[in-house]
C-alpha atoms as a PDB file:
ATOM      1  CA  MET A   1      -0.403 -46.621  31.840  1.00  0.00           C
ATOM      2  CA  LEU A   2       0.380 -47.041  27.964  1.00  0.00           C
ATOM      3  CA  LEU A   3      -3.518 -46.219  27.614  1.00  0.00           C
ATOM      4  CA  VAL A   4      -3.062 -42.889  29.652  1.00  0.00           C
ATOM      5  CA  ILE A   5       0.004 -41.701  27.543  1.00  0.00           C
ATOM      6  CA  PHE A   6      -1.816 -42.066  24.007  1.00  0.00           C
ATOM      7  CA  LEU A   7      -4.679 -39.851  25.142  1.00  0.00           C
ATOM      8  CA  ILE A   8      -2.584 -37.222  26.663  1.00  0.00           C
ATOM      9  CA  LEU A   9      -0.254 -37.415  23.181  1.00  0.00           C
ATOM     10  CA  PRO A  10      -2.968 -36.475  20.581  1.00  0.00           C
ATOM     11  CA  MET A  11      -4.137 -33.246  22.802  1.00  0.00           C
ATOM     12  CA  SER A  12      -0.977 -31.929  23.115  1.00  0.00           C
ATOM     13  CA  LEU A  13      -0.537 -32.541  19.241  1.00  0.00           C
ATOM     14  CA  MET A  14      -4.109 -30.603  19.117  1.00  0.00           C
ATOM     15  CA  SER A  15      -2.691 -27.812  21.520  1.00  0.00           C
ATOM     16  CA  SER A  16       0.790 -26.846  19.065  1.00  0.00           C
ATOM     17  CA  GLU A  17      -1.744 -26.965  16.001  1.00  0.00           C
ATOM     18  CA  ALA A  18      -3.859 -24.561  17.759  1.00  0.00           C
ATOM     19  CA  ASP A  19      -1.074 -21.835  18.589  1.00  0.00           C
ATOM     20  CA  ALA A  20       0.188 -22.367  15.396  1.00  0.00           C
ATOM     21  CA  GLU A  21      -3.020 -21.217  14.056  1.00  0.00           C
ATOM     22  CA  THR A  22      -2.746 -18.440  16.671  1.00  0.00           C
ATOM     23  CA  TRP A  23      -2.078 -14.311  15.808  1.00  0.00           C
ATOM     24  CA  GLN A  24      -0.076 -12.769  18.502  1.00  0.00           C
ATOM     25  CA  GLN A  25       0.360  -9.076  18.891  1.00  0.00           C
ATOM     26  CA  THR A  26       3.259  -7.554  18.591  1.00  0.00           C
ATOM     27  CA  ASN A  27       4.659  -4.867  21.200  1.00  0.00           C
ATOM     28  CA  GLY A  28       3.688  -1.671  19.402  1.00  0.00           C
ATOM     29  CA  PRO A  29       3.276   0.220  17.517  1.00  0.00           C
ATOM     30  CA  TYR A  30       1.845   3.234  19.444  1.00  0.00           C
ATOM     31  CA  GLY A  31       0.685   5.844  16.680  1.00  0.00           C
ATOM     32  CA  GLY A  32      -3.531   4.903  16.719  1.00  0.00           C
ATOM     33  CA  PRO A  33      -4.877   3.171  14.058  1.00  0.00           C
ATOM     34  CA  ILE A  34      -2.490   1.159  11.447  1.00  0.00           C
ATOM     35  CA  SER A  35      -3.474   1.995   8.110  1.00  0.00           C
ATOM     36  CA  SER A  36      -0.145   0.313   6.170  1.00  0.00           C
ATOM     37  CA  ILE A  37       2.413  -2.131   6.629  1.00  0.00           C
ATOM     38  CA  ALA A  38       5.618  -2.261   4.393  1.00  0.00           C
ATOM     39  CA  LEU A  39       8.346  -4.878   4.223  1.00  0.00           C
ATOM     40  CA  ASP A  40      12.290  -4.327   3.347  1.00  0.00           C
ATOM     41  CA  PRO A  41      12.173  -7.060   0.493  1.00  0.00           C
ATOM     42  CA  SER A  42      16.065  -7.262   1.074  1.00  0.00           C
ATOM     43  CA  ASN A  43      15.747  -8.059   5.185  1.00  0.00           C
ATOM     44  CA  PRO A  44      12.094  -9.110   5.907  1.00  0.00           C
ATOM     45  CA  GLN A  45      12.998  -8.326   9.710  1.00  0.00           C
ATOM     46  CA  VAL A  46      12.666  -5.016   9.011  1.00  0.00           C
ATOM     47  CA  LEU A  47       9.116  -3.364   8.920  1.00  0.00           C
ATOM     48  CA  TYR A  48       7.459   0.016   8.602  1.00  0.00           C
ATOM     49  CA  ALA A  49       3.965   0.890   9.903  1.00  0.00           C
ATOM     50  CA  GLY A  50       2.134   3.549   8.609  1.00  0.00           C
ATOM     51  CA  THR A  51      -0.343   4.985  11.524  1.00  0.00           C
ATOM     52  CA  GLU A  52      -2.557   8.130  12.590  1.00  0.00           C
ATOM     53  CA  GLY A  53       0.821   9.171  14.630  1.00  0.00           C
ATOM     54  CA  GLY A  54       3.328   8.794  12.063  1.00  0.00           C
ATOM     55  CA  VAL A  55       5.801   5.878  10.501  1.00  0.00           C
ATOM     56  CA  PHE A  56       6.837   3.475  12.981  1.00  0.00           C
ATOM     57  CA  LYS A  57       9.989   0.868  12.073  1.00  0.00           C
ATOM     58  CA  SER A  58      10.703  -2.162  13.738  1.00  0.00           C
ATOM     59  CA  VAL A  59      14.057  -4.451  13.031  1.00  0.00           C
ATOM     60  CA  ASP A  60      13.136  -7.575  14.460  1.00  0.00           C
ATOM     61  CA  GLY A  61       9.989  -8.916  12.825  1.00  0.00           C
ATOM     62  CA  GLY A  62       7.287  -6.921  14.936  1.00  0.00           C
ATOM     63  CA  SER A  63       8.622  -7.452  18.345  1.00  0.00           C
ATOM     64  CA  ASN A  64       9.767  -3.760  18.751  1.00  0.00           C
ATOM     65  CA  TRP A  65       8.895  -0.487  17.133  1.00  0.00           C
ATOM     66  CA  SER A  66      10.211   3.128  16.987  1.00  0.00           C
ATOM     67  CA  ALA A  67       8.787   6.263  15.770  1.00  0.00           C
ATOM     68  CA  VAL A  68      10.709   7.301  12.449  1.00  0.00           C
ATOM     69  CA  ASN A  69       9.028  10.833  11.851  1.00  0.00           C
ATOM     70  CA  ASN A  70      11.857  13.414  11.796  1.00  0.00           C
ATOM     71  CA  GLY A  71      10.513  15.678   9.399  1.00  0.00           C
ATOM     72  CA  LEU A  72       6.944  14.412   9.108  1.00  0.00           C
ATOM     73  CA  GLU A  73       6.089  16.388  12.204  1.00  0.00           C
ATOM     74  CA  SER A  74       7.821  19.375  11.956  1.00  0.00           C
ATOM     75  CA  THR A  75       6.200  20.216   8.846  1.00  0.00           C
ATOM     76  CA  SER A  76       3.609  22.995   8.074  1.00  0.00           C
ATOM     77  CA  HIS A  77       1.765  20.276   5.895  1.00  0.00           C
ATOM     78  CA  THR A  78      -1.398  19.777   7.173  1.00  0.00           C
ATOM     79  CA  TYR A  79      -2.043  16.435   8.325  1.00  0.00           C
ATOM     80  CA  SER A  80       1.273  14.842   7.382  1.00  0.00           C
ATOM     81  CA  THR A  81       1.734  12.580  10.212  1.00  0.00           C
ATOM     82  CA  TYR A  82      -1.319  10.575   9.079  1.00  0.00           C
ATOM     83  CA  ILE A  83       0.334   7.676   6.723  1.00  0.00           C
ATOM     84  CA  ASN A  84      -2.016   6.230   4.412  1.00  0.00           C
ATOM     85  CA  SER A  85       0.067   4.027   2.319  1.00  0.00           C
ATOM     86  CA  ILE A  86       4.096   3.298   2.306  1.00  0.00           C
ATOM     87  CA  ALA A  87       6.477   2.066  -0.506  1.00  0.00           C
ATOM     88  CA  VAL A  88      10.106   0.628  -0.438  1.00  0.00           C
ATOM     89  CA  ASP A  89      12.360   1.157  -3.298  1.00  0.00           C
ATOM     90  CA  PRO A  90      13.212  -2.624  -3.743  1.00  0.00           C
ATOM     91  CA  SER A  91      16.712  -1.716  -5.638  1.00  0.00           C
ATOM     92  CA  THR A  92      17.813   0.610  -2.615  1.00  0.00           C
ATOM     93  CA  THR A  93      15.750  -0.346   0.195  1.00  0.00           C
ATOM     94  CA  GLN A  94      16.682   3.097   2.484  1.00  0.00           C
ATOM     95  CA  THR A  95      14.706   4.764   0.328  1.00  0.00           C
ATOM     96  CA  LEU A  96      11.239   4.380   1.321  1.00  0.00           C
ATOM     97  CA  TYR A  97       7.749   7.121   0.033  1.00  0.00           C
ATOM     98  CA  ALA A  98       4.946   8.270   2.585  1.00  0.00           C
ATOM     99  CA  GLY A  99       1.615   8.492   1.338  1.00  0.00           C
ATOM    100  CA  THR A 100      -0.097  11.009   3.620  1.00  0.00           C
ATOM    101  CA  GLY A 101      -2.565  13.598   4.427  1.00  0.00           C
ATOM    102  CA  GLY A 102      -0.256  16.397   3.286  1.00  0.00           C
ATOM    103  CA  GLY A 103       1.036  14.519   0.388  1.00  0.00           C
ATOM    104  CA  VAL A 104       4.355  12.276  -0.086  1.00  0.00           C
ATOM    105  CA  PHE A 105       7.267  12.280   2.156  1.00  0.00           C
ATOM    106  CA  LYS A 106      10.611  10.566   1.235  1.00  0.00           C
ATOM    107  CA  SER A 107      13.089   9.007   3.010  1.00  0.00           C
ATOM    108  CA  VAL A 108      16.651   7.688   1.905  1.00  0.00           C
ATOM    109  CA  ASN A 109      18.059   6.487   5.150  1.00  0.00           C
ATOM    110  CA  GLY A 110      15.441   4.076   6.049  1.00  0.00           C
ATOM    111  CA  GLY A 111      12.854   6.346   7.570  1.00  0.00           C
ATOM    112  CA  ALA A 112      15.803   8.429   9.764  1.00  0.00           C
ATOM    113  CA  SER A 113      14.544  11.591   8.453  1.00  0.00           C
ATOM    114  CA  TRP A 114      11.790  12.829   6.191  1.00  0.00           C
ATOM    115  CA  SER A 115      11.339  15.151   3.188  1.00  0.00           C
ATOM    116  CA  ALA A 116       8.210  16.823   1.075  1.00  0.00           C
ATOM    117  CA  VAL A 117       8.273  15.292  -2.553  1.00  0.00           C
ATOM    118  CA  ASN A 118       5.065  17.483  -3.372  1.00  0.00           C
ATOM    119  CA  SER A 119       5.997  19.758  -6.613  1.00  0.00           C
ATOM    120  CA  GLY A 120       2.969  19.213  -9.266  1.00  0.00           C
ATOM    121  CA  LEU A 121       0.692  17.114  -6.606  1.00  0.00           C
ATOM    122  CA  SER A 122      -1.503  19.545  -5.253  1.00  0.00           C
ATOM    123  CA  SER A 123      -5.222  20.087  -6.470  1.00  0.00           C
ATOM    124  CA  MET A 124      -7.780  22.138  -5.142  1.00  0.00           C
ATOM    125  CA  TRP A 125      -9.063  19.374  -2.859  1.00  0.00           C
ATOM    126  CA  GLY A 126      -5.625  19.045  -1.251  1.00  0.00           C
ATOM    127  CA  ASN A 127      -3.215  16.632  -0.752  1.00  0.00           C
ATOM    128  CA  ASN A 128      -4.365  13.552   0.807  1.00  0.00           C
ATOM    129  CA  VAL A 129      -2.807  10.710  -0.901  1.00  0.00           C
ATOM    130  CA  ASN A 130      -4.284   7.019  -0.203  1.00  0.00           C
ATOM    131  CA  SER A 131      -2.092   4.751  -2.202  1.00  0.00           C
ATOM    132  CA  LEU A 132       1.584   4.737  -3.787  1.00  0.00           C
ATOM    133  CA  VAL A 133       2.637   2.151  -5.939  1.00  0.00           C
ATOM    134  CA  LEU A 134       6.275   2.052  -7.614  1.00  0.00           C
ATOM    135  CA  ASP A 135       7.328   0.475 -10.809  1.00  0.00           C
ATOM    136  CA  PRO A 136       9.875  -2.479  -9.654  1.00  0.00           C
ATOM    137  CA  SER A 137      11.983  -2.620 -12.219  1.00  0.00           C
ATOM    138  CA  THR A 138      12.364   1.791 -12.810  1.00  0.00           C
ATOM    139  CA  PRO A 139      11.774   2.624  -9.122  1.00  0.00           C
ATOM    140  CA  GLN A 140      11.969   6.047  -9.819  1.00  0.00           C
ATOM    141  CA  THR A 141       8.417   5.485 -11.491  1.00  0.00           C
ATOM    142  CA  LEU A 142       5.640   6.157  -8.527  1.00  0.00           C
ATOM    143  CA  TYR A 143       2.018   6.565  -8.728  1.00  0.00           C
ATOM    144  CA  ALA A 144      -0.308   8.058  -6.426  1.00  0.00           C
ATOM    145  CA  GLY A 145      -3.634   7.243  -5.686  1.00  0.00           C
ATOM    146  CA  LYS A 146      -5.370  10.773  -4.283  1.00  0.00           C
ATOM    147  CA  GLN A 147      -8.412  10.982  -2.125  1.00  0.00           C
ATOM    148  CA  TYR A 148      -9.284  13.711  -4.176  1.00  0.00           C
ATOM    149  CA  GLY A 149      -7.681  14.692  -7.692  1.00  0.00           C
ATOM    150  CA  GLY A 150      -7.105  11.380  -9.286  1.00  0.00           C
ATOM    151  CA  VAL A 151      -4.043   9.497 -10.213  1.00  0.00           C
ATOM    152  CA  PHE A 152      -0.375  11.394 -10.626  1.00  0.00           C
ATOM    153  CA  LYS A 153       2.649   9.973 -11.607  1.00  0.00           C
ATOM    154  CA  SER A 154       6.347  11.053 -11.193  1.00  0.00           C
ATOM    155  CA  VAL A 155       9.333   9.649 -13.095  1.00  0.00           C
ATOM    156  CA  ASP A 156      12.017  11.253 -11.298  1.00  0.00           C
ATOM    157  CA  GLY A 157      11.759   9.123  -7.716  1.00  0.00           C
ATOM    158  CA  GLY A 158       9.139  12.139  -6.558  1.00  0.00           C
ATOM    159  CA  SER A 159      10.912  15.115  -7.105  1.00  0.00           C
ATOM    160  CA  ASN A 160       7.457  16.088  -9.688  1.00  0.00           C
ATOM    161  CA  TRP A 161       4.313  14.922 -10.318  1.00  0.00           C
ATOM    162  CA  SER A 162       1.904  14.904 -13.162  1.00  0.00           C
ATOM    163  CA  ALA A 163      -1.912  14.579 -13.182  1.00  0.00           C
ATOM    164  CA  VAL A 164      -2.564  10.957 -15.576  1.00  0.00           C
ATOM    165  CA  ASN A 165      -6.339  11.315 -15.304  1.00  0.00           C
ATOM    166  CA  SER A 166      -7.531  10.614 -19.101  1.00  0.00           C
ATOM    167  CA  GLY A 167     -10.637   8.615 -18.948  1.00  0.00           C
ATOM    168  CA  LEU A 168     -10.615   7.897 -14.947  1.00  0.00           C
ATOM    169  CA  SER A 169     -14.186   9.388 -14.212  1.00  0.00           C
ATOM    170  CA  SER A 170     -13.857   8.872 -10.432  1.00  0.00           C
ATOM    171  CA  SER A 171     -11.194  10.728  -8.989  1.00  0.00           C
ATOM    172  CA  TYR A 172     -11.316   9.148  -5.984  1.00  0.00           C
ATOM    173  CA  VAL A 173      -8.875   6.782  -5.641  1.00  0.00           C
ATOM    174  CA  ASN A 174      -8.399   4.192  -2.890  1.00  0.00           C
ATOM    175  CA  SER A 175      -5.986   1.908  -4.103  1.00  0.00           C
ATOM    176  CA  LEU A 176      -3.478   1.212  -6.855  1.00  0.00           C
ATOM    177  CA  VAL A 177      -1.499  -1.830  -7.946  1.00  0.00           C
ATOM    178  CA  LEU A 178       0.961  -2.724 -10.759  1.00  0.00           C
ATOM    179  CA  ASP A 179       1.421  -5.234 -12.929  1.00  0.00           C
ATOM    180  CA  PRO A 180       5.082  -6.404 -12.294  1.00  0.00           C
ATOM    181  CA  SER A 181       5.443  -8.635 -15.179  1.00  0.00           C
ATOM    182  CA  THR A 182       4.372  -5.596 -17.188  1.00  0.00           C
ATOM    183  CA  PRO A 183       4.479  -2.424 -15.387  1.00  0.00           C
ATOM    184  CA  GLN A 184       2.971  -0.205 -17.582  1.00  0.00           C
ATOM    185  CA  THR A 185      -0.703  -2.176 -16.673  1.00  0.00           C
ATOM    186  CA  LEU A 186      -1.979  -0.604 -13.741  1.00  0.00           C
ATOM    187  CA  TYR A 187      -5.372  -0.930 -11.999  1.00  0.00           C
ATOM    188  CA  ALA A 188      -6.856   1.629  -9.641  1.00  0.00           C
ATOM    189  CA  GLY A 189      -9.609   1.126  -7.305  1.00  0.00           C
ATOM    190  CA  THR A 190     -12.217   4.268  -6.942  1.00  0.00           C
ATOM    191  CA  THR A 191     -15.228   5.014  -5.442  1.00  0.00           C
ATOM    192  CA  GLY A 192     -16.418   4.312  -9.443  1.00  0.00           C
ATOM    193  CA  GLY A 193     -15.125   0.842  -9.603  1.00  0.00           C
ATOM    194  CA  VAL A 194     -11.956  -0.575 -10.907  1.00  0.00           C
ATOM    195  CA  PHE A 195     -10.179   1.278 -13.866  1.00  0.00           C
ATOM    196  CA  LYS A 196      -7.102   0.053 -16.277  1.00  0.00           C
ATOM    197  CA  SER A 197      -4.515   1.155 -17.992  1.00  0.00           C
ATOM    198  CA  VAL A 198      -2.013  -0.517 -20.427  1.00  0.00           C
ATOM    199  CA  ASN A 199       0.169   2.613 -21.056  1.00  0.00           C
ATOM    200  CA  GLY A 200       1.687   3.289 -17.348  1.00  0.00           C
ATOM    201  CA  GLY A 201      -1.357   5.844 -16.654  1.00  0.00           C
ATOM    202  CA  SER A 202      -1.428   7.757 -19.653  1.00  0.00           C
ATOM    203  CA  SER A 203      -5.173   6.477 -20.223  1.00  0.00           C
ATOM    204  CA  TRP A 204      -7.566   4.707 -18.236  1.00  0.00           C
ATOM    205  CA  SER A 205     -10.723   2.378 -18.919  1.00  0.00           C
ATOM    206  CA  ALA A 206     -13.265   0.954 -16.503  1.00  0.00           C
ATOM    207  CA  VAL A 207     -13.451  -2.672 -16.192  1.00  0.00           C
ATOM    208  CA  ASN A 208     -16.418  -3.410 -13.953  1.00  0.00           C
ATOM    209  CA  SER A 209     -18.571  -5.608 -15.683  1.00  0.00           C
ATOM    210  CA  GLY A 210     -19.830  -7.933 -12.876  1.00  0.00           C
ATOM    211  CA  LEU A 211     -19.012  -5.580 -10.402  1.00  0.00           C
ATOM    212  CA  THR A 212     -21.939  -5.107  -8.373  1.00  0.00           C
ATOM    213  CA  ASN A 213     -20.615  -2.840  -5.628  1.00  0.00           C
ATOM    214  CA  SER A 214     -18.401   0.113  -7.585  1.00  0.00           C
ATOM    215  CA  TYR A 215     -16.901   1.413  -4.038  1.00  0.00           C
ATOM    216  CA  VAL A 216     -13.315  -0.276  -4.372  1.00  0.00           C
ATOM    217  CA  ASN A 217     -11.271   0.166  -1.007  1.00  0.00           C
ATOM    218  CA  SER A 218      -8.846  -2.336  -2.263  1.00  0.00           C
ATOM    219  CA  LEU A 219      -7.293  -4.135  -4.794  1.00  0.00           C
ATOM    220  CA  VAL A 220      -4.430  -7.203  -4.831  1.00  0.00           C
ATOM    221  CA  LEU A 221      -2.730  -8.894  -7.731  1.00  0.00           C
ATOM    222  CA  ASP A 222      -1.425 -12.204  -8.016  1.00  0.00           C
ATOM    223  CA  PRO A 223       2.131 -11.466  -9.179  1.00  0.00           C
ATOM    224  CA  SER A 224       2.304 -15.328 -10.636  1.00  0.00           C
ATOM    225  CA  THR A 225      -0.576 -14.748 -12.410  1.00  0.00           C
ATOM    226  CA  PRO A 226      -1.054 -11.109 -12.941  1.00  0.00           C
ATOM    227  CA  GLN A 227      -4.218 -11.889 -14.989  1.00  0.00           C
ATOM    228  CA  THR A 228      -6.163 -12.598 -11.823  1.00  0.00           C
ATOM    229  CA  LEU A 229      -6.959  -9.567  -9.052  1.00  0.00           C
ATOM    230  CA  TYR A 230      -8.938  -9.404  -6.195  1.00  0.00           C
ATOM    231  CA  ALA A 231     -11.451  -6.330  -5.353  1.00  0.00           C
ATOM    232  CA  GLY A 232     -12.332  -5.504  -1.550  1.00  0.00           C
ATOM    233  CA  THR A 233     -15.586  -3.301  -1.771  1.00  0.00           C
ATOM    234  CA  GLN A 234     -17.841  -2.349   0.823  1.00  0.00           C
ATOM    235  CA  GLY A 235     -18.938  -5.669   1.646  1.00  0.00           C
ATOM    236  CA  SER A 236     -17.609  -8.381  -0.730  1.00  0.00           C
ATOM    237  CA  VAL A 237     -14.339  -9.341  -2.375  1.00  0.00           C
ATOM    238  CA  PHE A 238     -14.548 -10.142  -6.144  1.00  0.00           C
ATOM    239  CA  LYS A 239     -12.201 -11.883  -8.327  1.00  0.00           C
ATOM    240  CA  SER A 240     -11.189 -11.356 -12.120  1.00  0.00           C
ATOM    241  CA  VAL A 241      -9.336 -14.194 -14.227  1.00  0.00           C
ATOM    242  CA  ASN A 242      -8.840 -12.064 -16.956  1.00  0.00           C
ATOM    243  CA  GLY A 243      -6.999  -8.852 -16.196  1.00  0.00           C
ATOM    244  CA  GLY A 244     -10.398  -6.985 -14.984  1.00  0.00           C
ATOM    245  CA  SER A 245     -12.702  -7.867 -18.229  1.00  0.00           C
ATOM    246  CA  ASN A 246     -15.167  -9.524 -16.190  1.00  0.00           C
END
């Protein structure tokens, strides 16, 4: 009998370990492909998902979701319910920004209602915003990476935007990241590689040495060691430990 117990116990432990390594699907959202997820830094149970059908919100860690699209679905802006990116103001977490196929939208009540904040953002190629990043030390300062048009900057919470593209030879921006320890330092992942700015977007320079695939879809920066950067390309992940120099 003791031998039987000894054999069963490891199997149950193995089952528990396997369960701990298994992903669980949440109940929704149901807006089509999910392109972005943002978390409320003050309450990790609150999440926002950006989909082809608008923004969805969960207040219970993803167990349940509800659409929060008032002001998105009623706008005349084309593709405004196609959400590419979401940014949450870390100092006032009820304030959200959504980068959409119709520009940038802002909510000041946790997604209950939205309004367009696109003054100065328009270009001849449309208003598709792929990426949004917010300066954590000065949350009124935002950067938007557009599908065509490069990088735009706002210093008044999205009310007004201006292009900041000097030195940015690729206008198709897929991803933006900001160094939280030095917010003037930004990186842009583009169809022409990675570009870096050390002056809040006023000027950019290519940092592509060793990057054999120049189509960069995504970027992430190690917040504890901001010189460490990862770039996701069309088929590989590249790593830099010196701020993109190599």
